[in-house]
């Protein structure tokens, strides 16, 4: 059985945890990492979240993966070959490590850009961030012991926010800012 889904209040230490991990990743990956960014709910100040640091590493090419896997393992993260999302290479903490999800994506790809746009939109739209937090709390209560159902149940609000973020990006000419790491 997986860990229960628990949403906690925003923790001001999350950005520092990201910076520490990001520095280790930058040292290990060097120029292979075009960008290293804090993404997901812990990257949005004030947003309640699962206490999981999500990091996106942008690379020129996903394949071959051997050198990326070697560098990530040297930094303390294991490759999850069972991840069904073929637009990324997915890494998790080693057993006993702090819960971390690392998404390695091709720079400029739709998934890479969408993660950054989603984050930037919520950082600038506190009403939508609050609605997202409320829905996450509601779903975590309902699906506390079923992480897969929780993730699936978030899809409608995520797609609603992505739609709003896409319109916002068109109005503002949004481009990702500098890399966080």
N, C-alpha and C. Protein backbone atom coordinates (compact mmCIF):
# COMPACT_ATOMS: atom_id res chain seq x y z
N UNK A 1 0.85 -1.19 0.00
CA UNK A 1 0.00 0.00 0.00
C UNK A 1 0.89 1.25 0.00
N UNK A 2 0.50 2.24 -0.76
CA UNK A 2 1.29 3.47 -0.84
C UNK A 2 1.00 4.38 0.35
N UNK A 3 1.85 5.37 0.51
CA UNK A 3 1.65 6.35 1.57
C UNK A 3 0.32 7.06 1.36
N UNK A 4 -0.34 7.46 2.44
CA UNK A 4 -1.59 8.21 2.27
C UNK A 4 -1.33 9.58 1.64
N UNK A 5 -2.33 10.07 0.93
CA UNK A 5 -2.24 11.40 0.33
C UNK A 5 -2.52 12.41 1.42
N UNK A 6 -1.56 13.26 1.69
CA UNK A 6 -1.70 14.28 2.73
C UNK A 6 -1.28 15.63 2.14
N UNK A 7 -2.16 16.61 2.26
CA UNK A 7 -1.88 17.97 1.82
C UNK A 7 -1.55 18.77 3.08
N UNK A 8 -0.43 19.47 3.03
CA UNK A 8 0.01 20.25 4.19
C UNK A 8 0.06 21.73 3.81
N UNK A 9 0.02 22.62 4.80
CA UNK A 9 0.17 24.04 4.49
C UNK A 9 1.53 24.32 3.87
N UNK A 10 1.58 25.38 3.07
CA UNK A 10 2.82 25.79 2.43
C UNK A 10 3.94 25.89 3.47
N UNK A 11 5.11 25.42 3.10
CA UNK A 11 6.28 25.45 3.97
C UNK A 11 7.33 26.36 3.31
N UNK A 12 7.68 27.42 3.98
CA UNK A 12 8.64 28.39 3.43
C UNK A 12 10.03 27.78 3.22
N UNK A 13 10.28 26.57 3.72
CA UNK A 13 11.56 25.91 3.52
C UNK A 13 11.64 25.18 2.18
N UNK A 14 10.51 24.99 1.48
CA UNK A 14 10.52 24.25 0.22
C UNK A 14 11.45 24.87 -0.82
N UNK A 15 11.46 26.19 -1.02
CA UNK A 15 12.40 26.75 -2.01
C UNK A 15 13.86 26.44 -1.68
N UNK A 16 14.21 26.48 -0.40
CA UNK A 16 15.59 26.18 -0.01
C UNK A 16 15.92 24.71 -0.26
N UNK A 17 14.97 23.82 0.04
CA UNK A 17 15.18 22.40 -0.25
C UNK A 17 15.43 22.21 -1.74
N UNK A 18 14.62 22.90 -2.58
CA UNK A 18 14.85 22.82 -4.02
C UNK A 18 16.25 23.31 -4.37
N UNK A 19 16.67 24.46 -3.84
CA UNK A 19 17.99 25.02 -4.17
C UNK A 19 19.10 24.03 -3.84
N UNK A 20 19.00 23.38 -2.69
CA UNK A 20 20.03 22.42 -2.29
C UNK A 20 20.10 21.25 -3.27
N UNK A 21 18.93 20.71 -3.63
CA UNK A 21 18.90 19.61 -4.58
C UNK A 21 19.35 20.10 -5.96
N UNK A 22 18.86 21.27 -6.36
CA UNK A 22 19.22 21.82 -7.66
C UNK A 22 20.71 22.02 -7.82
N UNK A 23 21.38 22.48 -6.77
CA UNK A 23 22.84 22.65 -6.82
C UNK A 23 23.55 21.33 -7.02
N UNK A 24 23.08 20.29 -6.31
CA UNK A 24 23.69 18.96 -6.49
C UNK A 24 23.46 18.45 -7.90
N UNK A 25 22.25 18.66 -8.42
CA UNK A 25 21.95 18.22 -9.79
C UNK A 25 22.82 18.98 -10.80
N UNK A 26 22.96 20.28 -10.61
CA UNK A 26 23.77 21.09 -11.53
C UNK A 26 25.21 20.59 -11.53
N UNK A 27 25.75 20.28 -10.35
CA UNK A 27 27.12 19.77 -10.27
C UNK A 27 27.25 18.44 -10.98
N UNK A 28 26.27 17.57 -10.79
CA UNK A 28 26.33 16.23 -11.37
C UNK A 28 26.05 16.22 -12.87
N UNK A 29 25.08 17.01 -13.30
CA UNK A 29 24.67 16.99 -14.71
C UNK A 29 25.44 17.98 -15.58
N UNK A 30 26.00 19.02 -14.97
CA UNK A 30 26.76 20.01 -15.73
C UNK A 30 25.93 20.58 -16.87
N UNK A 31 26.55 20.71 -18.03
CA UNK A 31 25.91 21.30 -19.19
C UNK A 31 24.82 20.46 -19.82
N UNK A 32 24.68 19.20 -19.39
CA UNK A 32 23.58 18.37 -19.89
C UNK A 32 22.24 18.99 -19.52
N UNK A 33 22.20 19.62 -18.34
CA UNK A 33 20.96 20.27 -17.87
C UNK A 33 20.93 21.69 -18.41
N UNK A 34 20.06 21.93 -19.37
CA UNK A 34 19.90 23.28 -19.92
C UNK A 34 19.20 24.16 -18.89
N UNK A 35 18.22 23.59 -18.21
CA UNK A 35 17.48 24.28 -17.14
C UNK A 35 17.27 23.28 -16.01
N UNK A 36 17.19 23.80 -14.80
CA UNK A 36 16.76 23.03 -13.63
C UNK A 36 15.76 23.94 -12.92
N UNK A 37 14.51 23.51 -12.83
CA UNK A 37 13.45 24.36 -12.30
C UNK A 37 12.64 23.67 -11.21
N UNK A 38 12.26 24.46 -10.24
CA UNK A 38 11.33 24.03 -9.20
C UNK A 38 9.93 24.15 -9.80
N UNK A 39 9.22 23.05 -9.90
CA UNK A 39 7.87 23.05 -10.46
C UNK A 39 6.93 22.41 -9.44
N UNK A 40 5.66 22.27 -9.82
CA UNK A 40 4.70 21.63 -8.94
C UNK A 40 4.27 22.56 -7.82
N UNK A 41 3.42 22.05 -6.98
CA UNK A 41 2.79 22.88 -5.95
C UNK A 41 3.75 23.47 -4.95
N UNK A 42 4.84 22.77 -4.63
CA UNK A 42 5.78 23.33 -3.65
C UNK A 42 6.55 24.51 -4.20
N UNK A 43 6.43 24.77 -5.50
CA UNK A 43 7.13 25.91 -6.12
C UNK A 43 6.28 27.18 -6.13
N UNK A 44 5.06 27.10 -5.61
CA UNK A 44 4.13 28.22 -5.66
C UNK A 44 3.94 28.75 -4.24
N UNK A 45 4.51 29.91 -3.93
CA UNK A 45 4.42 30.45 -2.57
C UNK A 45 2.97 30.51 -2.08
N UNK A 46 2.76 29.98 -0.87
CA UNK A 46 1.45 30.02 -0.24
C UNK A 46 0.54 28.86 -0.59
N UNK A 47 0.92 28.03 -1.56
CA UNK A 47 0.03 26.94 -2.00
C UNK A 47 0.22 25.70 -1.13
N UNK A 48 -0.88 25.21 -0.57
CA UNK A 48 -0.85 23.95 0.17
C UNK A 48 -0.48 22.83 -0.80
N UNK A 49 0.23 21.81 -0.32
CA UNK A 49 0.74 20.79 -1.23
C UNK A 49 1.07 19.51 -0.49
N UNK A 50 1.26 18.45 -1.27
CA UNK A 50 1.91 17.27 -0.72
C UNK A 50 3.36 17.70 -0.53
N UNK A 51 4.02 17.29 0.55
CA UNK A 51 5.39 17.74 0.81
C UNK A 51 6.42 17.00 -0.06
N UNK A 52 6.26 17.14 -1.37
CA UNK A 52 7.12 16.50 -2.36
C UNK A 52 7.73 17.60 -3.22
N UNK A 53 9.04 17.64 -3.29
CA UNK A 53 9.70 18.63 -4.14
C UNK A 53 9.73 18.08 -5.56
N UNK A 54 9.08 18.80 -6.48
CA UNK A 54 9.09 18.44 -7.90
C UNK A 54 10.10 19.31 -8.60
N UNK A 55 10.96 18.67 -9.38
CA UNK A 55 12.01 19.37 -10.11
C UNK A 55 11.94 18.94 -11.56
N UNK A 56 12.07 19.92 -12.44
CA UNK A 56 12.14 19.62 -13.87
C UNK A 56 13.55 19.94 -14.35
N UNK A 57 14.16 18.97 -14.99
CA UNK A 57 15.47 19.14 -15.62
C UNK A 57 15.24 19.11 -17.12
N UNK A 58 15.62 20.18 -17.79
CA UNK A 58 15.45 20.27 -19.24
C UNK A 58 16.77 19.93 -19.92
N UNK A 59 16.69 19.03 -20.89
CA UNK A 59 17.88 18.56 -21.60
C UNK A 59 17.65 18.69 -23.11
N UNK A 60 18.72 18.68 -23.88
CA UNK A 60 18.61 18.79 -25.34
C UNK A 60 17.93 17.56 -25.93
N UNK A 61 18.27 16.39 -25.43
CA UNK A 61 17.70 15.12 -25.92
C UNK A 61 17.51 14.17 -24.75
N UNK A 62 16.44 13.41 -24.79
CA UNK A 62 16.21 12.41 -23.74
C UNK A 62 17.02 11.14 -23.97
N UNK A 63 17.32 10.83 -25.20
CA UNK A 63 18.01 9.58 -25.49
C UNK A 63 19.36 9.88 -26.12
N UNK A 64 20.38 9.14 -25.83
CA UNK A 64 20.38 8.02 -24.90
C UNK A 64 20.36 8.51 -23.45
N UNK A 65 19.81 7.69 -22.59
CA UNK A 65 19.62 8.05 -21.18
C UNK A 65 20.78 7.65 -20.28
N UNK A 66 21.68 6.82 -20.76
CA UNK A 66 22.71 6.25 -19.89
C UNK A 66 23.47 7.28 -19.06
N UNK A 67 23.95 8.35 -19.68
CA UNK A 67 24.74 9.33 -18.93
C UNK A 67 23.87 10.10 -17.93
N UNK A 68 22.60 10.33 -18.28
CA UNK A 68 21.69 11.01 -17.35
C UNK A 68 21.42 10.11 -16.15
N UNK A 69 21.15 8.84 -16.41
CA UNK A 69 20.89 7.89 -15.31
C UNK A 69 22.11 7.81 -14.39
N UNK A 70 23.29 7.71 -14.96
CA UNK A 70 24.52 7.64 -14.15
C UNK A 70 24.67 8.87 -13.28
N UNK A 71 24.47 10.06 -13.86
CA UNK A 71 24.60 11.30 -13.10
C UNK A 71 23.53 11.40 -12.01
N UNK A 72 22.31 11.02 -12.34
CA UNK A 72 21.22 11.10 -11.36
C UNK A 72 21.45 10.11 -10.20
N UNK A 73 21.89 8.92 -10.52
CA UNK A 73 22.16 7.95 -9.45
C UNK A 73 23.30 8.42 -8.56
N UNK A 74 24.30 9.07 -9.14
CA UNK A 74 25.41 9.61 -8.35
C UNK A 74 24.94 10.71 -7.41
N UNK A 75 23.82 11.34 -7.76
CA UNK A 75 23.27 12.42 -6.93
C UNK A 75 22.26 11.88 -5.91
N UNK A 76 21.93 10.60 -6.00
CA UNK A 76 21.03 9.99 -5.01
C UNK A 76 19.61 9.77 -5.50
N UNK A 77 19.42 9.69 -6.81
CA UNK A 77 18.07 9.47 -7.37
C UNK A 77 18.08 8.27 -8.28
N UNK A 78 16.98 7.53 -8.25
CA UNK A 78 16.91 6.31 -9.06
C UNK A 78 15.92 6.50 -10.20
N UNK A 79 16.28 5.92 -11.33
CA UNK A 79 15.47 5.98 -12.53
C UNK A 79 14.26 5.07 -12.36
N UNK A 80 13.11 5.56 -12.74
CA UNK A 80 11.88 4.77 -12.69
C UNK A 80 11.49 4.40 -14.12
N UNK A 81 12.02 3.29 -14.59
CA UNK A 81 11.76 2.83 -15.96
C UNK A 81 10.30 2.47 -16.17
N UNK A 82 9.58 2.23 -15.07
CA UNK A 82 8.16 1.83 -15.17
C UNK A 82 7.22 3.02 -15.37
N UNK A 83 7.78 4.24 -15.43
CA UNK A 83 6.94 5.41 -15.63
C UNK A 83 6.31 5.35 -17.03
N UNK A 84 4.98 5.46 -17.12
CA UNK A 84 4.34 5.33 -18.44
C UNK A 84 4.41 6.58 -19.32
N UNK A 85 4.84 7.71 -18.78
CA UNK A 85 4.91 8.96 -19.54
C UNK A 85 6.19 8.98 -20.37
N UNK A 86 6.08 8.73 -21.66
CA UNK A 86 7.25 8.64 -22.52
C UNK A 86 7.82 9.99 -22.93
N UNK A 87 7.21 11.09 -22.45
CA UNK A 87 7.75 12.42 -22.75
C UNK A 87 8.81 12.84 -21.74
N UNK A 88 9.10 11.96 -20.80
CA UNK A 88 10.10 12.31 -19.79
C UNK A 88 10.80 11.06 -19.26
N UNK A 89 11.93 11.30 -18.62
CA UNK A 89 12.59 10.29 -17.79
C UNK A 89 12.29 10.72 -16.36
N UNK A 90 11.86 9.77 -15.55
CA UNK A 90 11.38 10.08 -14.20
C UNK A 90 12.30 9.45 -13.17
N UNK A 91 12.67 10.26 -12.17
CA UNK A 91 13.56 9.81 -11.11
C UNK A 91 12.92 10.10 -9.76
N UNK A 92 13.22 9.23 -8.80
CA UNK A 92 12.75 9.40 -7.42
C UNK A 92 13.93 9.26 -6.47
N UNK A 93 13.69 9.68 -5.24
CA UNK A 93 14.70 9.56 -4.20
C UNK A 93 15.02 8.08 -3.95
N UNK A 94 16.19 7.84 -3.43
CA UNK A 94 16.57 6.48 -3.02
C UNK A 94 15.76 6.14 -1.76
N UNK A 95 15.58 4.85 -1.47
CA UNK A 95 14.84 4.49 -0.26
C UNK A 95 15.39 5.21 0.97
N UNK A 96 14.49 5.79 1.75
CA UNK A 96 14.85 6.53 2.95
C UNK A 96 15.16 7.99 2.71
N UNK A 97 15.24 8.39 1.43
CA UNK A 97 15.55 9.79 1.11
C UNK A 97 14.31 10.68 1.18
N UNK A 98 14.54 11.98 1.16
CA UNK A 98 13.44 12.95 1.18
C UNK A 98 12.65 12.83 -0.12
N UNK A 99 11.33 12.81 -0.02
CA UNK A 99 10.46 12.61 -1.18
C UNK A 99 10.71 13.69 -2.22
N UNK A 100 11.17 13.25 -3.40
CA UNK A 100 11.50 14.15 -4.49
C UNK A 100 11.13 13.47 -5.80
N UNK A 101 10.51 14.23 -6.69
CA UNK A 101 10.18 13.74 -8.03
C UNK A 101 10.96 14.60 -9.02
N UNK A 102 11.76 13.96 -9.85
CA UNK A 102 12.53 14.68 -10.85
C UNK A 102 12.09 14.25 -12.23
N UNK A 103 11.64 15.23 -13.00
CA UNK A 103 11.10 15.01 -14.34
C UNK A 103 12.12 15.55 -15.33
N UNK A 104 12.77 14.69 -16.09
CA UNK A 104 13.74 15.11 -17.10
C UNK A 104 13.00 15.15 -18.43
N UNK A 105 12.94 16.35 -19.01
CA UNK A 105 12.19 16.54 -20.26
C UNK A 105 13.04 17.25 -21.29
N UNK A 106 12.66 17.07 -22.54
CA UNK A 106 13.37 17.74 -23.64
C UNK A 106 13.04 19.23 -23.60
N UNK A 107 14.05 20.05 -23.63
CA UNK A 107 13.88 21.51 -23.61
C UNK A 107 13.03 21.94 -24.79
N UNK A 108 12.06 22.81 -24.52
CA UNK A 108 11.18 23.33 -25.55
C UNK A 108 9.99 22.46 -25.86
N UNK A 109 9.92 21.27 -25.28
CA UNK A 109 8.78 20.38 -25.55
C UNK A 109 7.52 20.93 -24.88
N UNK A 110 6.39 20.49 -25.37
CA UNK A 110 5.12 20.94 -24.82
C UNK A 110 5.03 20.63 -23.32
N UNK A 111 5.35 19.41 -22.88
CA UNK A 111 5.26 19.14 -21.43
C UNK A 111 6.20 20.01 -20.60
N UNK A 112 7.39 20.25 -21.10
CA UNK A 112 8.35 21.09 -20.36
C UNK A 112 7.81 22.51 -20.22
N UNK A 113 7.33 23.08 -21.32
CA UNK A 113 6.81 24.44 -21.31
C UNK A 113 5.54 24.55 -20.48
N UNK A 114 4.66 23.56 -20.56
CA UNK A 114 3.40 23.60 -19.82
C UNK A 114 3.64 23.59 -18.32
N UNK A 115 4.59 22.80 -17.85
CA UNK A 115 4.89 22.78 -16.41
C UNK A 115 5.34 24.15 -15.93
N UNK A 116 6.15 24.83 -16.72
CA UNK A 116 6.64 26.16 -16.35
C UNK A 116 5.52 27.20 -16.43
N UNK A 117 4.71 27.12 -17.48
CA UNK A 117 3.60 28.06 -17.64
C UNK A 117 2.58 27.90 -16.51
N UNK A 118 2.24 26.66 -16.17
CA UNK A 118 1.29 26.36 -15.09
C UNK A 118 1.80 26.98 -13.79
N UNK A 119 3.07 26.74 -13.48
CA UNK A 119 3.67 27.29 -12.27
C UNK A 119 3.63 28.82 -12.27
N UNK A 120 4.08 29.43 -13.35
CA UNK A 120 4.14 30.89 -13.42
C UNK A 120 2.75 31.51 -13.34
N UNK A 121 1.78 30.88 -13.98
CA UNK A 121 0.40 31.38 -13.94
C UNK A 121 -0.11 31.37 -12.50
N UNK A 122 0.05 30.24 -11.80
CA UNK A 122 -0.46 30.15 -10.42
C UNK A 122 0.28 31.10 -9.48
N UNK A 123 1.54 31.35 -9.73
CA UNK A 123 2.27 32.31 -8.90
C UNK A 123 1.68 33.71 -9.01
N UNK A 124 1.09 34.03 -10.14
CA UNK A 124 0.55 35.37 -10.38
C UNK A 124 -0.97 35.46 -10.24
N UNK A 125 -1.63 34.34 -9.99
CA UNK A 125 -3.10 34.32 -9.91
C UNK A 125 -3.53 33.60 -8.62
N UNK A 126 -3.48 34.33 -7.50
CA UNK A 126 -3.74 33.70 -6.20
C UNK A 126 -5.15 33.12 -6.06
N UNK A 127 -6.14 33.66 -6.75
CA UNK A 127 -7.48 33.09 -6.65
C UNK A 127 -7.53 31.69 -7.25
N UNK A 128 -6.88 31.51 -8.40
CA UNK A 128 -6.83 30.18 -9.00
C UNK A 128 -5.96 29.24 -8.17
N UNK A 129 -4.88 29.75 -7.59
CA UNK A 129 -4.05 28.92 -6.72
C UNK A 129 -4.85 28.47 -5.50
N UNK A 130 -5.65 29.35 -4.93
CA UNK A 130 -6.48 29.00 -3.77
C UNK A 130 -7.52 27.95 -4.15
N UNK A 131 -8.14 28.10 -5.31
CA UNK A 131 -9.13 27.12 -5.77
C UNK A 131 -8.47 25.76 -5.98
N UNK A 132 -7.27 25.78 -6.53
CA UNK A 132 -6.53 24.54 -6.75
C UNK A 132 -6.20 23.87 -5.41
N UNK A 133 -5.75 24.66 -4.45
CA UNK A 133 -5.44 24.12 -3.12
C UNK A 133 -6.67 23.51 -2.47
N UNK A 134 -7.79 24.20 -2.57
CA UNK A 134 -9.03 23.70 -1.98
C UNK A 134 -9.44 22.37 -2.62
N UNK A 135 -9.34 22.29 -3.93
CA UNK A 135 -9.69 21.04 -4.62
C UNK A 135 -8.74 19.92 -4.23
N UNK A 136 -7.46 20.22 -4.10
CA UNK A 136 -6.50 19.20 -3.67
C UNK A 136 -6.81 18.70 -2.27
N UNK A 137 -7.15 19.61 -1.36
CA UNK A 137 -7.51 19.18 0.00
C UNK A 137 -8.75 18.29 -0.02
N UNK A 138 -9.76 18.69 -0.80
CA UNK A 138 -11.00 17.91 -0.89
C UNK A 138 -10.71 16.51 -1.45
N UNK A 139 -9.92 16.45 -2.51
CA UNK A 139 -9.62 15.16 -3.13
C UNK A 139 -8.71 14.31 -2.26
N UNK A 140 -7.80 14.93 -1.53
CA UNK A 140 -6.93 14.17 -0.63
C UNK A 140 -7.74 13.51 0.48
N UNK A 141 -8.74 14.21 0.93
CA UNK A 141 -9.62 13.62 1.96
C UNK A 141 -10.40 12.44 1.38
N UNK A 142 -10.90 12.61 0.18
CA UNK A 142 -11.71 11.57 -0.46
C UNK A 142 -10.87 10.36 -0.87
N UNK A 143 -9.66 10.61 -1.39
CA UNK A 143 -8.82 9.53 -1.92
C UNK A 143 -7.55 9.33 -1.09
N UNK A 144 -7.64 9.53 0.18
CA UNK A 144 -6.48 9.48 1.07
C UNK A 144 -5.61 8.24 0.86
N UNK A 145 -6.23 7.10 0.65
CA UNK A 145 -5.48 5.85 0.53
C UNK A 145 -5.39 5.33 -0.91
N UNK A 146 -5.64 6.22 -1.86
CA UNK A 146 -5.58 5.81 -3.27
C UNK A 146 -4.93 6.93 -4.08
N UNK A 147 -3.62 6.94 -4.08
CA UNK A 147 -2.86 8.01 -4.73
C UNK A 147 -3.20 8.12 -6.22
N UNK A 148 -3.36 6.99 -6.90
CA UNK A 148 -3.69 7.01 -8.32
C UNK A 148 -5.02 7.70 -8.59
N UNK A 149 -6.02 7.39 -7.77
CA UNK A 149 -7.33 8.03 -7.94
C UNK A 149 -7.25 9.52 -7.63
N UNK A 150 -6.45 9.88 -6.64
CA UNK A 150 -6.26 11.30 -6.31
C UNK A 150 -5.67 12.04 -7.50
N UNK A 151 -4.61 11.49 -8.09
CA UNK A 151 -3.95 12.13 -9.23
C UNK A 151 -4.94 12.27 -10.40
N UNK A 152 -5.67 11.19 -10.70
CA UNK A 152 -6.64 11.23 -11.80
C UNK A 152 -7.75 12.25 -11.53
N UNK A 153 -8.20 12.35 -10.30
CA UNK A 153 -9.31 13.25 -9.96
C UNK A 153 -8.91 14.72 -10.06
N UNK A 154 -7.61 15.01 -10.03
CA UNK A 154 -7.16 16.40 -10.18
C UNK A 154 -7.20 16.86 -11.63
N UNK A 155 -7.31 15.95 -12.58
CA UNK A 155 -7.25 16.32 -14.00
C UNK A 155 -8.18 17.46 -14.39
N UNK A 156 -9.46 17.44 -14.00
CA UNK A 156 -10.34 18.54 -14.46
C UNK A 156 -9.85 19.93 -14.03
N UNK A 157 -9.44 20.09 -12.79
CA UNK A 157 -9.00 21.43 -12.37
C UNK A 157 -7.65 21.78 -13.01
N UNK A 158 -6.79 20.80 -13.19
CA UNK A 158 -5.51 21.08 -13.83
C UNK A 158 -5.74 21.55 -15.27
N UNK A 159 -6.61 20.87 -16.01
CA UNK A 159 -6.87 21.27 -17.39
C UNK A 159 -7.56 22.63 -17.45
N UNK A 160 -8.42 22.93 -16.49
CA UNK A 160 -9.04 24.26 -16.44
C UNK A 160 -7.98 25.33 -16.25
N UNK A 161 -7.04 25.08 -15.34
CA UNK A 161 -5.98 26.05 -15.09
C UNK A 161 -5.04 26.14 -16.29
N UNK A 162 -4.72 25.02 -16.92
CA UNK A 162 -3.87 25.07 -18.12
C UNK A 162 -4.53 25.90 -19.21
N UNK A 163 -5.83 25.76 -19.38
CA UNK A 163 -6.55 26.56 -20.38
C UNK A 163 -6.43 28.05 -20.05
N UNK A 164 -6.70 28.41 -18.80
CA UNK A 164 -6.56 29.80 -18.39
C UNK A 164 -5.13 30.30 -18.57
N UNK A 165 -4.17 29.45 -18.22
CA UNK A 165 -2.76 29.82 -18.34
C UNK A 165 -2.37 30.02 -19.81
N UNK A 166 -2.89 29.19 -20.68
CA UNK A 166 -2.59 29.33 -22.11
C UNK A 166 -3.13 30.66 -22.65
N UNK A 167 -4.35 31.02 -22.26
CA UNK A 167 -4.92 32.31 -22.69
C UNK A 167 -4.09 33.46 -22.12
N UNK A 168 -3.72 33.35 -20.84
CA UNK A 168 -2.89 34.36 -20.19
C UNK A 168 -1.55 34.49 -20.92
N UNK A 169 -0.95 33.35 -21.29
CA UNK A 169 0.36 33.39 -21.95
C UNK A 169 0.26 34.10 -23.30
N UNK A 170 -0.85 33.90 -23.99
CA UNK A 170 -1.05 34.56 -25.28
C UNK A 170 -1.23 36.07 -25.10
N UNK A 171 -1.98 36.45 -24.07
CA UNK A 171 -2.21 37.89 -23.81
C UNK A 171 -0.93 38.61 -23.38
N UNK A 172 -0.09 37.89 -22.64
CA UNK A 172 1.08 38.54 -22.04
C UNK A 172 2.38 38.29 -22.82
N UNK A 173 2.33 37.34 -23.76
CA UNK A 173 3.56 36.98 -24.45
C UNK A 173 4.51 36.21 -23.54
N UNK A 174 3.96 35.46 -22.60
CA UNK A 174 4.75 34.73 -21.60
C UNK A 174 5.86 33.92 -22.25
N UNK A 175 7.00 33.97 -21.65
CA UNK A 175 8.12 33.09 -21.94
C UNK A 175 8.70 32.67 -20.60
N UNK A 176 9.28 31.48 -20.49
CA UNK A 176 9.87 31.11 -19.21
C UNK A 176 11.01 32.06 -18.85
N UNK A 177 11.07 32.42 -17.60
CA UNK A 177 12.17 33.25 -17.12
C UNK A 177 13.44 32.42 -17.02
N UNK A 178 14.44 32.97 -16.36
CA UNK A 178 15.69 32.23 -16.19
C UNK A 178 15.47 30.95 -15.38
N UNK A 179 16.32 29.99 -15.60
CA UNK A 179 16.27 28.73 -14.86
C UNK A 179 16.42 29.00 -13.36
N UNK A 180 15.72 28.21 -12.56
CA UNK A 180 15.83 28.33 -11.09
C UNK A 180 17.15 27.78 -10.58
N UNK A 181 17.78 26.89 -11.32
CA UNK A 181 19.00 26.25 -10.83
C UNK A 181 20.08 26.30 -11.85
